[in-house]
């Protein structure tokens, strides 16, 4: 449990949680191992939570309309699909292990329960989502201007 809490402590996403909240999430989380070339989840599926990379390298590839070059995740503490902690929606990305990987799976149900128990955590999570969405929208501004010029 403390090992899982320490792993969550290395993931920037979970800096909104205090030590006790990370311990509670760690208790509900599962450590998993993925072999090289193993699919963690496929685009179009609904992940039941998020993964935190402990060790190894993962490849993320957008599928469908937004398909593009895959990108790699190899930084310990990287969180895969943090929005899956909030939303019960299919993800547009396929995540595959490039090398053998160790991951910590954080179930959505545990994260949502924690937010219900700690309204201040729910507020911090809402602020984080708002900041990230604002950042995405700001990044789209140049495209918006180009579209208006046409």
Protein backbone atom coordinates (compact mmCIF):
# COMPACT_ATOMS: atom_id res chain seq x y z
CA UNK A 1 0.00 0.00 0.00
CA UNK A 2 2.75 2.49 0.92
CA UNK A 3 4.65 1.43 -2.22
CA UNK A 4 1.58 2.26 -4.32
CA UNK A 5 1.15 5.58 -2.50
CA UNK A 6 4.79 6.43 -3.29
CA UNK A 7 4.19 5.60 -6.96
CA UNK A 8 1.15 7.90 -6.98
CA UNK A 9 3.27 10.56 -5.31
CA UNK A 10 5.62 10.53 -8.33
CA UNK A 11 2.71 11.10 -10.73
CA UNK A 12 2.08 14.85 -11.17
CA UNK A 13 -1.63 14.20 -11.66
CA UNK A 14 -2.01 12.96 -8.09
CA UNK A 15 -0.33 15.98 -6.50
CA UNK A 16 -3.90 17.20 -5.88
CA UNK A 17 -4.16 14.43 -3.27
CA UNK A 18 -2.64 14.56 0.18
CA UNK A 19 -0.57 11.67 1.58
CA UNK A 20 -3.57 10.00 3.21
CA UNK A 21 -5.65 10.20 0.02
CA UNK A 22 -2.77 8.69 -1.99
CA UNK A 23 -2.53 5.86 0.56
CA UNK A 24 -6.26 5.21 0.20
CA UNK A 25 -5.99 5.19 -3.60
CA UNK A 26 -2.89 3.01 -3.39
CA UNK A 27 -4.81 0.47 -1.32
CA UNK A 28 -7.50 0.28 -4.02
CA UNK A 29 -4.99 0.13 -6.89
CA UNK A 30 -3.44 -2.91 -8.56
CA UNK A 31 0.13 -3.30 -9.67
CA UNK A 32 0.28 -4.86 -13.14
CA UNK A 33 2.96 -6.15 -15.48
CA UNK A 34 2.71 -5.93 -19.28
CA UNK A 35 4.96 -7.82 -21.66
CA UNK A 36 6.48 -6.07 -24.68
CA UNK A 37 3.87 -5.70 -27.49
CA UNK A 38 0.98 -6.29 -25.08
CA UNK A 39 -2.00 -3.97 -25.62
CA UNK A 40 -2.96 -2.20 -22.41
CA UNK A 41 -6.22 -1.06 -23.99
CA UNK A 42 -7.53 -0.48 -27.50
CA UNK A 43 -9.06 2.65 -28.93
CA UNK A 44 -12.83 2.50 -28.66
CA UNK A 45 -12.83 0.67 -25.34
CA UNK A 46 -13.84 2.20 -22.05
CA UNK A 47 -10.98 1.90 -19.56
CA UNK A 48 -12.14 1.36 -15.99
CA UNK A 49 -9.48 3.70 -14.65
CA UNK A 50 -6.02 5.09 -15.33
CA UNK A 51 -2.56 3.56 -15.35
CA UNK A 52 0.57 5.08 -13.83
CA UNK A 53 3.80 4.02 -15.50
CA UNK A 54 6.30 2.66 -12.99
CA UNK A 55 8.89 1.36 -15.40
CA UNK A 56 9.19 0.65 -19.13
CA UNK A 57 8.06 2.33 -22.33
CA UNK A 58 4.56 2.57 -23.72
CA UNK A 59 3.35 3.64 -27.14
CA UNK A 60 0.17 5.67 -27.56
CA UNK A 61 -1.50 5.90 -30.95
CA UNK A 62 -4.62 7.87 -31.80
CA UNK A 63 -6.98 5.90 -34.00
CA UNK A 64 -9.67 6.94 -36.46
CA UNK A 65 -10.08 10.55 -37.57
CA UNK A 66 -7.34 11.80 -35.23
CA UNK A 67 -4.82 9.13 -36.26
CA UNK A 68 -1.27 10.34 -36.43
CA UNK A 69 2.24 9.40 -35.43
CA UNK A 70 2.39 7.34 -32.27
CA UNK A 71 4.19 8.81 -29.30
CA UNK A 72 6.12 7.12 -26.52
CA UNK A 73 5.73 7.40 -22.77
CA UNK A 74 8.72 6.32 -20.73
CA UNK A 75 8.86 8.78 -17.83
CA UNK A 76 8.09 7.02 -14.53
CA UNK A 77 5.00 8.63 -13.05
CA UNK A 78 3.38 9.27 -16.44
CA UNK A 79 -0.34 8.76 -16.17
CA UNK A 80 -2.17 7.04 -18.99
CA UNK A 81 -5.68 8.29 -19.65
CA UNK A 82 -6.30 10.43 -16.55
CA UNK A 83 -9.73 11.42 -17.92
CA UNK A 84 -10.73 7.76 -17.49
CA UNK A 85 -10.79 8.52 -13.76
CA UNK A 86 -13.72 10.86 -14.37
CA UNK A 87 -15.45 9.72 -17.55
CA UNK A 88 -17.01 6.43 -18.53
CA UNK A 89 -16.32 7.05 -22.24
CA UNK A 90 -14.39 5.20 -24.95
CA UNK A 91 -10.84 6.43 -25.41
CA UNK A 92 -9.53 7.33 -28.89
CA UNK A 93 -6.04 5.96 -28.17
CA UNK A 94 -4.52 2.48 -28.24
CA UNK A 95 -1.84 1.99 -25.57
CA UNK A 96 0.75 -0.74 -26.19
CA UNK A 97 3.81 -1.80 -24.22
CA UNK A 98 6.99 -1.27 -26.23
CA UNK A 99 9.12 -2.95 -23.56
CA UNK A 100 8.16 -4.98 -20.52
CA UNK A 101 6.33 -2.49 -18.28
CA UNK A 102 5.25 -2.23 -14.69
CA UNK A 103 2.09 -0.20 -14.12
CA UNK A 104 -0.18 0.80 -11.29
CA UNK A 105 -3.86 0.64 -12.22
CA UNK A 106 -6.06 3.17 -10.38
CA UNK A 107 -9.76 2.26 -10.65
CA UNK A 108 -12.23 5.01 -11.54
CA UNK A 109 -14.59 3.77 -8.82
CA UNK A 110 -11.93 4.32 -6.12
CA UNK A 111 -11.06 7.79 -7.38
CA UNK A 112 -14.73 8.86 -7.59
CA UNK A 113 -15.39 7.48 -4.10
CA UNK A 114 -12.44 9.48 -2.77
CA UNK A 115 -13.79 12.66 -4.40
CA UNK A 116 -17.19 12.06 -2.77
CA UNK A 117 -15.48 11.69 0.62
CA UNK A 118 -13.30 14.78 0.15
CA UNK A 119 -15.14 17.70 -1.50
CA UNK A 120 -11.92 19.74 -1.50
CA UNK A 121 -10.31 17.05 -3.68
CA UNK A 122 -13.28 17.19 -6.05
CA UNK A 123 -12.77 20.96 -6.30
CA UNK A 124 -9.05 20.52 -7.04
CA UNK A 125 -9.86 17.92 -9.70
CA UNK A 126 -12.40 20.25 -11.33
CA UNK A 127 -9.84 23.07 -11.36
CA UNK A 128 -7.25 20.80 -12.95
CA UNK A 129 -9.65 19.71 -15.70
CA UNK A 130 -10.56 23.34 -16.32
CA UNK A 131 -6.86 24.32 -16.60
CA UNK A 132 -6.11 21.47 -18.99
CA UNK A 133 -9.13 22.22 -21.19
CA UNK A 134 -8.18 25.88 -21.24
CA UNK A 135 -4.68 24.88 -22.36
CA UNK A 136 -6.10 22.73 -25.17
CA UNK A 137 -8.37 25.54 -26.32
CA UNK A 138 -5.51 28.04 -26.26
CA UNK A 139 -3.43 25.65 -28.38
CA UNK A 140 -6.27 25.59 -30.93
CA UNK A 141 -6.43 29.40 -31.26
CA UNK A 142 -3.97 29.58 -34.19
CA UNK A 143 -6.05 27.01 -36.07
CA UNK A 144 -9.22 28.97 -35.35
CA UNK A 145 -7.65 32.12 -36.79
CA UNK A 146 -6.56 30.25 -39.92
CA UNK A 147 -10.08 28.90 -40.41
CA UNK A 148 -11.57 32.41 -40.14
CA UNK A 149 -9.14 33.70 -42.79
CA UNK A 150 -10.46 31.25 -45.36
